[in-house]
């Protein structure tokens, strides 16, 4: 692993997993997503990871919805924008790529394999649903896997990477995903320095055990040496512990309401910025400086703001 000279804080603003009935603080409309992103940048986030939603919270893929979000962030901050190519398991591949192809962002997320990505358990914790679509949406994940086959991964790398100069946050939900990434490195479609995002605690992926984080870094070191930067997050209540562990190992961190709705035991986070401020304080207590957006661009070899299509 290449030790981060400054720690990059990424913030995943809204995602496509959590639903409105879980928290009144989850940003849903374009205006709410923009406002929440601006607050996160002010709090110290260098990278903003974006999904889009319809005003009722349903995950959205349409480029015109991203057009209500991305310019509003870039016109007011110098943040690095990272647009999802994962979307949700209910979307087609063309839909999942629509936002990133529209803007050719500096970064895009890329899930490194097909998997059971299950969050149907959300339904067990909600009695009062705000919208008709929510319950069936989360229940469907018990029987509908997330598909990202090798041809889809290669298509994304060629269309966005080779074609538009976008680099990637490689989301690895298990050790096997590191070996999948190595395959594409060997093909020459992934070049250093690249960012591996270890994801823990998703039902169907690697568990939120700290031994797993240490093991993931060990295998990544074996495969990639110092060609990569590392970051990690865990879903739900383990979020801050895993971000702290990643920073302690010399890596970067990711927080945000996509990954966890909580700020402490039994306490909902009131904003993405609240989570950013908390992890920033932890990282600074470890004696590690926080990266600016330009630091992140330099570290990750990004093309810069001028390469984004507005």
C-alpha atoms as a PDB file:
ATOM      1  CA  UNK A   1       0.000   0.000   0.000  1.00  0.00           C
ATOM      2  CA  UNK A   2       1.161   3.487  -0.792  1.00  0.00           C
ATOM      3  CA  UNK A   3       0.932   5.430   2.472  1.00  0.00           C
ATOM      4  CA  UNK A   4      -1.261   8.488   2.127  1.00  0.00           C
ATOM      5  CA  UNK A   5       0.775  11.616   2.797  1.00  0.00           C
ATOM      6  CA  UNK A   6      -2.498  13.311   3.609  1.00  0.00           C
ATOM      7  CA  UNK A   7      -5.658  11.382   4.424  1.00  0.00           C
ATOM      8  CA  UNK A   8      -8.375  11.688   1.798  1.00  0.00           C
ATOM      9  CA  UNK A   9     -11.870  11.859   3.250  1.00  0.00           C
ATOM     10  CA  UNK A  10     -14.539  10.641   0.822  1.00  0.00           C
ATOM     11  CA  UNK A  11     -18.191  11.244   1.618  1.00  0.00           C
ATOM     12  CA  UNK A  12     -20.942   9.077   0.140  1.00  0.00           C
ATOM     13  CA  UNK A  13     -23.875  11.461   0.302  1.00  0.00           C
ATOM     14  CA  UNK A  14     -26.986   9.318  -0.209  1.00  0.00           C
ATOM     15  CA  UNK A  15     -26.382   6.000  -1.996  1.00  0.00           C
ATOM     16  CA  UNK A  16     -29.157   3.661  -3.075  1.00  0.00           C
ATOM     17  CA  UNK A  17     -29.429   1.285  -0.093  1.00  0.00           C
ATOM     18  CA  UNK A  18     -30.971   3.247   2.755  1.00  0.00           C
ATOM     19  CA  UNK A  19     -34.581   4.354   2.323  1.00  0.00           C
ATOM     20  CA  UNK A  20     -36.413   7.477   3.513  1.00  0.00           C
ATOM     21  CA  UNK A  21     -38.326   5.622   6.247  1.00  0.00           C
ATOM     22  CA  UNK A  22     -35.049   4.927   8.073  1.00  0.00           C
ATOM     23  CA  UNK A  23     -34.049   8.549   8.651  1.00  0.00           C
ATOM     24  CA  UNK A  24     -35.463  12.011   8.119  1.00  0.00           C
ATOM     25  CA  UNK A  25     -31.894  13.226   7.525  1.00  0.00           C
ATOM     26  CA  UNK A  26     -31.163  11.213   4.374  1.00  0.00           C
ATOM     27  CA  UNK A  27     -30.768  13.634   1.426  1.00  0.00           C
ATOM     28  CA  UNK A  28     -33.273  12.836  -1.300  1.00  0.00           C
ATOM     29  CA  UNK A  29     -34.005  15.723  -3.658  1.00  0.00           C
ATOM     30  CA  UNK A  30     -31.333  17.232  -5.867  1.00  0.00           C
ATOM     31  CA  UNK A  31     -31.353  20.368  -3.728  1.00  0.00           C
ATOM     32  CA  UNK A  32     -30.838  18.341  -0.544  1.00  0.00           C
ATOM     33  CA  UNK A  33     -28.011  16.310  -2.077  1.00  0.00           C
ATOM     34  CA  UNK A  34     -26.216  19.458  -3.255  1.00  0.00           C
ATOM     35  CA  UNK A  35     -26.615  21.192   0.105  1.00  0.00           C
ATOM     36  CA  UNK A  36     -25.395  18.115   1.988  1.00  0.00           C
ATOM     37  CA  UNK A  37     -22.392  17.756  -0.314  1.00  0.00           C
ATOM     38  CA  UNK A  38     -21.411  21.403   0.152  1.00  0.00           C
ATOM     39  CA  UNK A  39     -21.565  20.997   3.928  1.00  0.00           C
ATOM     40  CA  UNK A  40     -19.379  17.866   3.725  1.00  0.00           C
ATOM     41  CA  UNK A  41     -16.743  19.679   1.671  1.00  0.00           C
ATOM     42  CA  UNK A  42     -16.716  22.570   4.114  1.00  0.00           C
ATOM     43  CA  UNK A  43     -16.201  20.050   6.930  1.00  0.00           C
ATOM     44  CA  UNK A  44     -13.134  18.588   5.220  1.00  0.00           C
ATOM     45  CA  UNK A  45     -14.202  16.071   2.567  1.00  0.00           C
ATOM     46  CA  UNK A  46     -12.016  16.073  -0.545  1.00  0.00           C
ATOM     47  CA  UNK A  47     -14.123  13.624  -2.576  1.00  0.00           C
ATOM     48  CA  UNK A  48     -17.900  13.556  -2.937  1.00  0.00           C
ATOM     49  CA  UNK A  49     -19.349  10.195  -3.987  1.00  0.00           C
ATOM     50  CA  UNK A  50     -22.691  10.633  -5.721  1.00  0.00           C
ATOM     51  CA  UNK A  51     -25.811   8.637  -6.393  1.00  0.00           C
ATOM     52  CA  UNK A  52     -28.994  10.333  -7.585  1.00  0.00           C
ATOM     53  CA  UNK A  53     -32.534   9.972  -6.272  1.00  0.00           C
ATOM     54  CA  UNK A  54     -36.007  11.024  -7.194  1.00  0.00           C
ATOM     55  CA  UNK A  55     -37.681  13.399  -4.701  1.00  0.00           C
ATOM     56  CA  UNK A  56     -39.507  10.459  -3.065  1.00  0.00           C
ATOM     57  CA  UNK A  57     -36.171   8.725  -2.492  1.00  0.00           C
ATOM     58  CA  UNK A  58     -36.277   6.157  -5.283  1.00  0.00           C
ATOM     59  CA  UNK A  59     -32.814   5.573  -6.763  1.00  0.00           C
ATOM     60  CA  UNK A  60     -32.447   7.483 -10.024  1.00  0.00           C
ATOM     61  CA  UNK A  61     -30.159   7.031 -13.000  1.00  0.00           C
ATOM     62  CA  UNK A  62     -31.323   9.698 -15.435  1.00  0.00           C
ATOM     63  CA  UNK A  63     -28.642  12.097 -16.644  1.00  0.00           C
ATOM     64  CA  UNK A  64     -31.059  15.008 -16.281  1.00  0.00           C
ATOM     65  CA  UNK A  65     -31.292  14.337 -12.535  1.00  0.00           C
ATOM     66  CA  UNK A  66     -27.503  14.311 -12.220  1.00  0.00           C
ATOM     67  CA  UNK A  67     -27.573  17.601 -14.116  1.00  0.00           C
ATOM     68  CA  UNK A  68     -29.481  19.070 -11.180  1.00  0.00           C
ATOM     69  CA  UNK A  69     -26.762  17.908  -8.773  1.00  0.00           C
ATOM     70  CA  UNK A  70     -23.244  17.919 -10.209  1.00  0.00           C
ATOM     71  CA  UNK A  71     -23.003  21.532 -11.472  1.00  0.00           C
ATOM     72  CA  UNK A  72     -24.395  22.845  -8.187  1.00  0.00           C
ATOM     73  CA  UNK A  73     -21.514  21.212  -6.321  1.00  0.00           C
ATOM     74  CA  UNK A  74     -18.739  22.041  -8.778  1.00  0.00           C
ATOM     75  CA  UNK A  75     -19.788  25.674  -9.130  1.00  0.00           C
ATOM     76  CA  UNK A  76     -19.366  26.228  -5.395  1.00  0.00           C
ATOM     77  CA  UNK A  77     -16.482  23.946  -4.370  1.00  0.00           C
ATOM     78  CA  UNK A  78     -13.241  22.490  -5.703  1.00  0.00           C
ATOM     79  CA  UNK A  79     -14.221  18.980  -4.575  1.00  0.00           C
ATOM     80  CA  UNK A  80     -13.455  15.869  -6.595  1.00  0.00           C
ATOM     81  CA  UNK A  81     -16.713  14.378  -7.882  1.00  0.00           C
ATOM     82  CA  UNK A  82     -17.006  10.581  -7.870  1.00  0.00           C
ATOM     83  CA  UNK A  83     -20.134   9.296  -9.655  1.00  0.00           C
ATOM     84  CA  UNK A  84     -21.419   5.779  -9.080  1.00  0.00           C
ATOM     85  CA  UNK A  85     -21.455   3.141 -11.803  1.00  0.00           C
ATOM     86  CA  UNK A  86     -23.095   0.733  -9.349  1.00  0.00           C
ATOM     87  CA  UNK A  87     -26.436   2.467  -9.057  1.00  0.00           C
ATOM     88  CA  UNK A  88     -28.628  -0.334  -7.772  1.00  0.00           C
ATOM     89  CA  UNK A  89     -29.267  -3.971  -8.656  1.00  0.00           C
ATOM     90  CA  UNK A  90     -32.599  -2.892 -10.194  1.00  0.00           C
ATOM     91  CA  UNK A  91     -30.851  -0.866 -12.928  1.00  0.00           C
ATOM     92  CA  UNK A  92     -29.571  -1.967 -16.319  1.00  0.00           C
ATOM     93  CA  UNK A  93     -25.921  -1.409 -17.206  1.00  0.00           C
ATOM     94  CA  UNK A  94     -26.783   1.512 -19.491  1.00  0.00           C
ATOM     95  CA  UNK A  95     -28.736   3.114 -16.666  1.00  0.00           C
ATOM     96  CA  UNK A  96     -25.914   2.611 -14.173  1.00  0.00           C
ATOM     97  CA  UNK A  97     -23.452   4.357 -16.496  1.00  0.00           C
ATOM     98  CA  UNK A  98     -25.707   7.240 -17.547  1.00  0.00           C
ATOM     99  CA  UNK A  99     -24.603   9.797 -14.954  1.00  0.00           C
ATOM    100  CA  UNK A 100     -20.895   9.099 -15.302  1.00  0.00           C
ATOM    101  CA  UNK A 101     -21.006   9.128 -19.100  1.00  0.00           C
ATOM    102  CA  UNK A 102     -22.799  12.480 -19.033  1.00  0.00           C
ATOM    103  CA  UNK A 103     -20.170  14.202 -16.898  1.00  0.00           C
ATOM    104  CA  UNK A 104     -16.936  12.216 -17.439  1.00  0.00           C
ATOM    105  CA  UNK A 105     -16.031  12.799 -13.774  1.00  0.00           C
ATOM    106  CA  UNK A 106     -12.545  12.676 -12.337  1.00  0.00           C
ATOM    107  CA  UNK A 107     -13.544   9.535 -10.410  1.00  0.00           C
ATOM    108  CA  UNK A 108     -16.224   6.879 -10.674  1.00  0.00           C
ATOM    109  CA  UNK A 109     -16.920   3.936  -8.409  1.00  0.00           C
ATOM    110  CA  UNK A 110     -16.584   0.447  -9.888  1.00  0.00           C
ATOM    111  CA  UNK A 111     -17.767  -2.675  -8.088  1.00  0.00           C
ATOM    112  CA  UNK A 112     -15.312  -5.478  -8.795  1.00  0.00           C
ATOM    113  CA  UNK A 113     -17.707  -8.367  -9.195  1.00  0.00           C
ATOM    114  CA  UNK A 114     -21.187  -9.833  -9.111  1.00  0.00           C
ATOM    115  CA  UNK A 115     -22.460 -10.671  -5.632  1.00  0.00           C
ATOM    116  CA  UNK A 116     -25.388 -11.176  -3.345  1.00  0.00           C
ATOM    117  CA  UNK A 117     -25.864  -7.625  -2.044  1.00  0.00           C
ATOM    118  CA  UNK A 118     -28.574  -8.080   0.546  1.00  0.00           C
ATOM    119  CA  UNK A 119     -30.237  -5.408   2.644  1.00  0.00           C
ATOM    120  CA  UNK A 120     -33.684  -6.915   2.942  1.00  0.00           C
ATOM    121  CA  UNK A 121     -33.237  -6.858   6.721  1.00  0.00           C
ATOM    122  CA  UNK A 122     -34.115  -3.168   6.644  1.00  0.00           C
ATOM    123  CA  UNK A 123     -37.749  -4.268   6.354  1.00  0.00           C
ATOM    124  CA  UNK A 124     -37.570  -5.995   9.747  1.00  0.00           C
ATOM    125  CA  UNK A 125     -36.812  -2.676  11.459  1.00  0.00           C
ATOM    126  CA  UNK A 126     -39.504  -0.468   9.920  1.00  0.00           C
ATOM    127  CA  UNK A 127     -43.178  -0.470  10.852  1.00  0.00           C
ATOM    128  CA  UNK A 128     -44.234   2.843   9.330  1.00  0.00           C
ATOM    129  CA  UNK A 129     -43.243   3.225   5.671  1.00  0.00           C
ATOM    130  CA  UNK A 130     -43.219   6.683   4.109  1.00  0.00           C
ATOM    131  CA  UNK A 131     -43.540   5.509   0.494  1.00  0.00           C
ATOM    132  CA  UNK A 132     -45.138   2.550  -1.252  1.00  0.00           C
ATOM    133  CA  UNK A 133     -41.988   1.600  -3.188  1.00  0.00           C
ATOM    134  CA  UNK A 134     -39.640   1.159  -0.221  1.00  0.00           C
ATOM    135  CA  UNK A 135     -40.554  -2.187   1.342  1.00  0.00           C
ATOM    136  CA  UNK A 136     -40.565  -4.247  -1.840  1.00  0.00           C
ATOM    137  CA  UNK A 137     -37.390  -2.519  -2.996  1.00  0.00           C
ATOM    138  CA  UNK A 138     -35.360  -3.700  -0.020  1.00  0.00           C
ATOM    139  CA  UNK A 139     -37.027  -7.136   0.067  1.00  0.00           C
ATOM    140  CA  UNK A 140     -36.090  -7.736  -3.577  1.00  0.00           C
ATOM    141  CA  UNK A 141     -32.385  -7.784  -2.677  1.00  0.00           C
ATOM    142  CA  UNK A 142     -32.897 -11.182  -1.018  1.00  0.00           C
ATOM    143  CA  UNK A 143     -33.573 -12.742  -4.435  1.00  0.00           C
ATOM    144  CA  UNK A 144     -31.961 -10.334  -6.919  1.00  0.00           C
ATOM    145  CA  UNK A 145     -28.135 -10.343  -6.934  1.00  0.00           C
ATOM    146  CA  UNK A 146     -26.045  -7.403  -8.050  1.00  0.00           C
ATOM    147  CA  UNK A 147     -24.504  -8.303 -11.406  1.00  0.00           C
ATOM    148  CA  UNK A 148     -21.188  -6.869 -12.531  1.00  0.00           C
ATOM    149  CA  UNK A 149     -19.684  -9.483 -14.810  1.00  0.00           C
ATOM    150  CA  UNK A 150     -16.206  -9.182 -16.292  1.00  0.00           C
ATOM    151  CA  UNK A 151     -17.528  -7.940 -19.619  1.00  0.00           C
ATOM    152  CA  UNK A 152     -19.381  -5.150 -17.813  1.00  0.00           C
ATOM    153  CA  UNK A 153     -16.297  -4.216 -15.809  1.00  0.00           C
ATOM    154  CA  UNK A 154     -14.175  -4.147 -18.966  1.00  0.00           C
ATOM    155  CA  UNK A 155     -16.815  -2.089 -20.786  1.00  0.00           C
ATOM    156  CA  UNK A 156     -16.802   0.472 -17.966  1.00  0.00           C
ATOM    157  CA  UNK A 157     -13.001   0.644 -17.877  1.00  0.00           C
ATOM    158  CA  UNK A 158     -12.841   1.208 -21.614  1.00  0.00           C
ATOM    159  CA  UNK A 159     -15.766   3.628 -21.961  1.00  0.00           C
ATOM    160  CA  UNK A 160     -15.034   5.799 -18.947  1.00  0.00           C
ATOM    161  CA  UNK A 161     -11.357   5.120 -18.357  1.00  0.00           C
ATOM    162  CA  UNK A 162      -9.782   4.874 -21.787  1.00  0.00           C
ATOM    163  CA  UNK A 163     -12.454   6.942 -23.489  1.00  0.00           C
ATOM    164  CA  UNK A 164     -13.013   9.805 -21.062  1.00  0.00           C
ATOM    165  CA  UNK A 165     -10.019   9.810 -18.719  1.00  0.00           C
ATOM    166  CA  UNK A 166     -12.029   8.950 -15.609  1.00  0.00           C
ATOM    167  CA  UNK A 167     -10.190   7.019 -12.894  1.00  0.00           C
ATOM    168  CA  UNK A 168     -11.850   4.692 -10.438  1.00  0.00           C
ATOM    169  CA  UNK A 169     -12.628   3.920  -6.837  1.00  0.00           C
ATOM    170  CA  UNK A 170     -12.396   0.111  -7.041  1.00  0.00           C
ATOM    171  CA  UNK A 171     -14.943  -1.204  -4.560  1.00  0.00           C
ATOM    172  CA  UNK A 172     -13.859  -4.603  -3.251  1.00  0.00           C
ATOM    173  CA  UNK A 173     -16.430  -6.428  -1.137  1.00  0.00           C
ATOM    174  CA  UNK A 174     -14.360  -9.582  -0.743  1.00  0.00           C
ATOM    175  CA  UNK A 175     -10.836 -10.894  -1.213  1.00  0.00           C
ATOM    176  CA  UNK A 176     -11.747 -12.394  -4.578  1.00  0.00           C
ATOM    177  CA  UNK A 177     -12.477  -8.901  -5.867  1.00  0.00           C
ATOM    178  CA  UNK A 178      -8.789  -8.049  -5.393  1.00  0.00           C
ATOM    179  CA  UNK A 179      -7.869 -10.897  -7.732  1.00  0.00           C
ATOM    180  CA  UNK A 180     -10.464  -9.654 -10.218  1.00  0.00           C
ATOM    181  CA  UNK A 181      -8.814  -6.246 -10.077  1.00  0.00           C
ATOM    182  CA  UNK A 182      -5.416  -7.865 -10.619  1.00  0.00           C
ATOM    183  CA  UNK A 183      -6.738  -9.423 -13.825  1.00  0.00           C
ATOM    184  CA  UNK A 184      -7.601  -6.001 -15.224  1.00  0.00           C
ATOM    185  CA  UNK A 185      -4.274  -4.582 -14.050  1.00  0.00           C
ATOM    186  CA  UNK A 186      -2.559  -7.359 -16.019  1.00  0.00           C
ATOM    187  CA  UNK A 187      -4.674  -6.440 -19.064  1.00  0.00           C
ATOM    188  CA  UNK A 188      -3.324  -2.903 -18.824  1.00  0.00           C
ATOM    189  CA  UNK A 189      -6.760  -1.382 -18.236  1.00  0.00           C
ATOM    190  CA  UNK A 190      -5.906  -0.266 -14.683  1.00  0.00           C
ATOM    191  CA  UNK A 191      -2.760   1.738 -14.099  1.00  0.00           C
ATOM    192  CA  UNK A 192      -1.195   2.960 -10.856  1.00  0.00           C
ATOM    193  CA  UNK A 193      -1.697   4.739  -8.631  1.00  0.00           C
ATOM    194  CA  UNK A 194      -5.214   3.361  -8.145  1.00  0.00           C
ATOM    195  CA  UNK A 195      -7.641   3.523  -5.239  1.00  0.00           C
ATOM    196  CA  UNK A 196      -8.959   0.348  -3.609  1.00  0.00           C
ATOM    197  CA  UNK A 197     -12.021   0.848  -1.426  1.00  0.00           C
ATOM    198  CA  UNK A 198     -12.454  -2.066   0.958  1.00  0.00           C
ATOM    199  CA  UNK A 199     -16.125  -2.565   1.802  1.00  0.00           C
ATOM    200  CA  UNK A 200     -17.087  -4.562   4.884  1.00  0.00           C
ATOM    201  CA  UNK A 201     -20.308  -5.633   6.556  1.00  0.00           C
ATOM    202  CA  UNK A 202     -22.611  -6.049   3.552  1.00  0.00           C
ATOM    203  CA  UNK A 203     -24.600  -9.289   3.739  1.00  0.00           C
ATOM    204  CA  UNK A 204     -23.163 -11.308   0.860  1.00  0.00           C
ATOM    205  CA  UNK A 205     -19.696  -9.763   1.152  1.00  0.00           C
ATOM    206  CA  UNK A 206     -16.827  -9.913   3.615  1.00  0.00           C
ATOM    207  CA  UNK A 207     -17.797  -9.383   7.244  1.00  0.00           C
ATOM    208  CA  UNK A 208     -17.044  -6.381   9.428  1.00  0.00           C
ATOM    209  CA  UNK A 209     -14.224  -8.061  11.341  1.00  0.00           C
ATOM    210  CA  UNK A 210     -11.013  -6.122  11.766  1.00  0.00           C
ATOM    211  CA  UNK A 211      -9.007  -9.230  10.913  1.00  0.00           C
ATOM    212  CA  UNK A 212     -10.632  -9.082   7.474  1.00  0.00           C
ATOM    213  CA  UNK A 213      -9.445  -5.518   6.932  1.00  0.00           C
ATOM    214  CA  UNK A 214      -5.887  -6.455   7.865  1.00  0.00           C
ATOM    215  CA  UNK A 215      -6.088  -9.508   5.599  1.00  0.00           C
ATOM    216  CA  UNK A 216      -7.427  -7.466   2.673  1.00  0.00           C
ATOM    217  CA  UNK A 217      -4.498  -5.068   2.918  1.00  0.00           C
ATOM    218  CA  UNK A 218      -2.044  -7.978   3.162  1.00  0.00           C
ATOM    219  CA  UNK A 219      -3.396  -9.597  -0.012  1.00  0.00           C
ATOM    220  CA  UNK A 220      -3.540  -6.271  -1.835  1.00  0.00           C
ATOM    221  CA  UNK A 221       0.102  -5.667  -0.871  1.00  0.00           C
ATOM    222  CA  UNK A 222       0.995  -9.096  -2.253  1.00  0.00           C
ATOM    223  CA  UNK A 223      -0.794  -8.394  -5.532  1.00  0.00           C
ATOM    224  CA  UNK A 224      -0.038  -4.715  -6.067  1.00  0.00           C
ATOM    225  CA  UNK A 225       2.864  -3.643  -3.847  1.00  0.00           C
ATOM    226  CA  UNK A 226       2.830   0.118  -3.521  1.00  0.00           C
ATOM    227  CA  UNK A 227       0.863   0.694  -6.731  1.00  0.00           C
ATOM    228  CA  UNK A 228      -2.340   1.463  -4.828  1.00  0.00           C
ATOM    229  CA  UNK A 229      -3.866   3.665  -2.153  1.00  0.00           C
ATOM    230  CA  UNK A 230      -6.260   2.050   0.267  1.00  0.00           C
ATOM    231  CA  UNK A 231      -9.467   3.247   1.877  1.00  0.00           C
ATOM    232  CA  UNK A 232     -12.085   1.365   3.851  1.00  0.00           C
ATOM    233  CA  UNK A 233     -15.542   1.619   5.280  1.00  0.00           C
ATOM    234  CA  UNK A 234     -17.979  -0.697   6.993  1.00  0.00           C
ATOM    235  CA  UNK A 235     -21.729  -0.497   6.684  1.00  0.00           C
ATOM    236  CA  UNK A 236     -23.789   0.597   9.649  1.00  0.00           C
ATOM    237  CA  UNK A 237     -22.550   0.719  13.214  1.00  0.00           C
ATOM    238  CA  UNK A 238     -18.970  -0.301  12.361  1.00  0.00           C
ATOM    239  CA  UNK A 239     -18.417   2.722  10.099  1.00  0.00           C
ATOM    240  CA  UNK A 240     -16.161   4.842  12.298  1.00  0.00           C
ATOM    241  CA  UNK A 241     -14.154   1.919  13.679  1.00  0.00           C
ATOM    242  CA  UNK A 242     -13.185   0.762  10.192  1.00  0.00           C
ATOM    243  CA  UNK A 243     -12.390   4.262   8.976  1.00  0.00           C
ATOM    244  CA  UNK A 244     -10.135   4.692  11.999  1.00  0.00           C
ATOM    245  CA  UNK A 245      -8.447   1.341  11.326  1.00  0.00           C
ATOM    246  CA  UNK A 246      -7.810   2.304   7.704  1.00  0.00           C
ATOM    247  CA  UNK A 247      -6.265   5.625   8.721  1.00  0.00           C
ATOM    248  CA  UNK A 248      -4.123   3.923  11.373  1.00  0.00           C
ATOM    249  CA  UNK A 249      -2.740   1.559   8.706  1.00  0.00           C
ATOM    250  CA  UNK A 250      -1.769   4.502   6.490  1.00  0.00           C
ATOM    251  CA  UNK A 251      -4.875   4.506   4.340  1.00  0.00           C
ATOM    252  CA  UNK A 252      -7.731   6.861   3.588  1.00  0.00           C
ATOM    253  CA  UNK A 253     -11.312   6.980   4.872  1.00  0.00           C
ATOM    254  CA  UNK A 254     -14.879   7.083   3.626  1.00  0.00           C
ATOM    255  CA  UNK A 255     -17.956   8.135   5.566  1.00  0.00           C
ATOM    256  CA  UNK A 256     -21.447   9.266   4.588  1.00  0.00           C
ATOM    257  CA  UNK A 257     -25.125   8.496   4.963  1.00  0.00           C
ATOM    258  CA  UNK A 258     -24.923   6.004   2.101  1.00  0.00           C
ATOM    259  CA  UNK A 259     -22.844   3.746   4.336  1.00  0.00           C
ATOM    260  CA  UNK A 260     -24.264   4.478   7.785  1.00  0.00           C
ATOM    261  CA  UNK A 261     -27.142   6.567   9.097  1.00  0.00           C
ATOM    262  CA  UNK A 262     -25.569   6.770  12.554  1.00  0.00           C
ATOM    263  CA  UNK A 263     -23.175   9.042  14.426  1.00  0.00           C
ATOM    264  CA  UNK A 264     -23.124   7.049  17.658  1.00  0.00           C
ATOM    265  CA  UNK A 265     -24.925   4.240  19.418  1.00  0.00           C
ATOM    266  CA  UNK A 266     -28.655   4.859  19.058  1.00  0.00           C
ATOM    267  CA  UNK A 267     -28.093   8.325  17.540  1.00  0.00           C
ATOM    268  CA  UNK A 268     -28.901   9.139  13.927  1.00  0.00           C
ATOM    269  CA  UNK A 269     -26.476  11.428  12.145  1.00  0.00           C
ATOM    270  CA  UNK A 270     -28.173  14.702  11.300  1.00  0.00           C
ATOM    271  CA  UNK A 271     -25.969  15.308   8.256  1.00  0.00           C
ATOM    272  CA  UNK A 272     -23.074  13.981   6.230  1.00  0.00           C
ATOM    273  CA  UNK A 273     -20.983  16.838   7.567  1.00  0.00           C
ATOM    274  CA  UNK A 274     -21.459  15.560  11.115  1.00  0.00           C
ATOM    275  CA  UNK A 275     -19.795  12.290  10.134  1.00  0.00           C
ATOM    276  CA  UNK A 276     -17.007  14.135   8.299  1.00  0.00           C
ATOM    277  CA  UNK A 277     -16.253  16.274  11.335  1.00  0.00           C
ATOM    278  CA  UNK A 278     -16.124  13.192  13.552  1.00  0.00           C
ATOM    279  CA  UNK A 279     -13.708  11.204  11.386  1.00  0.00           C
ATOM    280  CA  UNK A 280     -11.615  14.303  10.709  1.00  0.00           C
ATOM    281  CA  UNK A 281     -11.094  14.761  14.449  1.00  0.00           C
ATOM    282  CA  UNK A 282     -10.109  11.094  14.794  1.00  0.00           C
ATOM    283  CA  UNK A 283      -7.617  11.292  11.917  1.00  0.00           C
ATOM    284  CA  UNK A 284      -6.069  14.491  13.216  1.00  0.00           C
ATOM    285  CA  UNK A 285      -5.791  12.929  16.677  1.00  0.00           C
ATOM    286  CA  UNK A 286      -3.732  10.191  15.004  1.00  0.00           C
ATOM    287  CA  UNK A 287      -1.370  12.942  13.886  1.00  0.00           C
ATOM    288  CA  UNK A 288      -2.239  12.663  10.204  1.00  0.00           C
ATOM    289  CA  UNK A 289      -3.048  15.682   8.008  1.00  0.00           C
ATOM    290  CA  UNK A 290      -6.260  15.935   5.975  1.00  0.00           C
ATOM    291  CA  UNK A 291      -6.027  16.044   2.168  1.00  0.00           C
ATOM    292  CA  UNK A 292      -7.453  18.908   0.173  1.00  0.00           C
ATOM    293  CA  UNK A 293      -9.170  18.145  -3.139  1.00  0.00           C
ATOM    294  CA  UNK A 294      -5.976  19.103  -4.974  1.00  0.00           C
ATOM    295  CA  UNK A 295      -3.978  16.773  -2.722  1.00  0.00           C
ATOM    296  CA  UNK A 296      -6.375  13.974  -3.706  1.00  0.00           C
ATOM    297  CA  UNK A 297      -5.957  14.829  -7.397  1.00  0.00           C
ATOM    298  CA  UNK A 298      -2.186  14.676  -7.122  1.00  0.00           C
ATOM    299  CA  UNK A 299      -2.163  11.434  -5.131  1.00  0.00           C
ATOM    300  CA  UNK A 300      -4.588   9.602  -7.433  1.00  0.00           C
ATOM    301  CA  UNK A 301      -3.356  11.030 -10.734  1.00  0.00           C
ATOM    302  CA  UNK A 302      -6.709  12.553 -11.612  1.00  0.00           C
ATOM    303  CA  UNK A 303      -7.280  14.557 -14.778  1.00  0.00           C
ATOM    304  CA  UNK A 304      -8.506  17.662 -12.949  1.00  0.00           C
ATOM    305  CA  UNK A 305     -11.646  19.752 -13.009  1.00  0.00           C
ATOM    306  CA  UNK A 306     -11.045  20.924 -16.582  1.00  0.00           C
ATOM    307  CA  UNK A 307     -11.691  17.395 -17.825  1.00  0.00           C
ATOM    308  CA  UNK A 308     -15.206  17.190 -16.388  1.00  0.00           C
ATOM    309  CA  UNK A 309     -18.012  17.819 -18.892  1.00  0.00           C
ATOM    310  CA  UNK A 310     -20.441  20.406 -17.546  1.00  0.00           C
END
